[in-house]
Amino acid sequence: MKRPSTLTAPFLKRITLLDEKADRNVFPFNRLDWLNKPNFALNFPTRVTFFVGENGSGKSTLLEAIAALCDFPVGGGSQDHQRAADEPESRLAGALRPQWLPRVRTGFYLRAESFFNMAGYLDAEGAVERSGGQRLHGQSHGESVMALLSNRIAEIGRGVILMDEPEAALSPSRQLAFLALLHEWDLSKNIQVIIATHAPIILSYPGAMLYRFDDDEIVETAVEQTEHYRVTKSFLSDPERYFRRIFGND
């Protein structure tokens, strides 16, 4: 009898760009300079990974490509969720080679921008006990996101969870609650999480791999070295100084 695998997260170990499949004349290859680095590859040595960077730096584009590699709908959801008829194809995913150990086929892709439509689809399934006892659309945005994360995602057992800007729905106190949930997944060793976020609270989760997306490269960094952390800390320590500067009174 074959024994079940005892391998734990992270399951997606590495992604590598196949240069011969990258069309440099189309997006994202003609817009994101870090894709033009020789032998581009990214490793995932920890169960929790963060992508951080300015708008347009490509972190959401890469996360979407990883979702496609996981066979999740690029509009959000899991493998068994209905896909939109006009769902776009990720060109980047087609040029990436994933390295799995082992290959897992369960998980979820949470996109802040498409959560409303996805919540409607999930509510249509009718199993409110899997959403904290209430329809997702019967709760606030933050409550529905936490209900989804706390209940439905708990059902996947072993898998990959991808999130694009979950803080869009979460107040600072709920971001702290999210960190507690993230810690539960981390301790289980059954969940790999990759999150694109601007939130310093979330980025502060200990022991995570943090990749900063710059104009022409992706580099490993620490939360204290991110502009998101530095600007937030500096502003909160002296908001009047920032008001004088941005309002032209300095």
Foldseek 3Di string as FASTA:
>chain_A
DDDDDPAFDPFFFKKWFQVVLDDCVDPPNVPAQQVVDPGDMDGFPALEEEEEEDPPLCPLLVLLLVCVVLCHQSLWFANPADHDPPRDDRSRNVRMDIDGDPRDNTEIEAEPVNVVVVLVSVVVVVPCVQQVNDRLVVDAQLSRVVSNLVGVRVPRQADEYEYEAPCVRPDPVVLVVVLVSVVVVRVSSRYRYYYYHLDLSNLQNPPYFYWYRDRNHIDTDHSCPDPSNVVVVVCVVPVVVVCCVVVVND
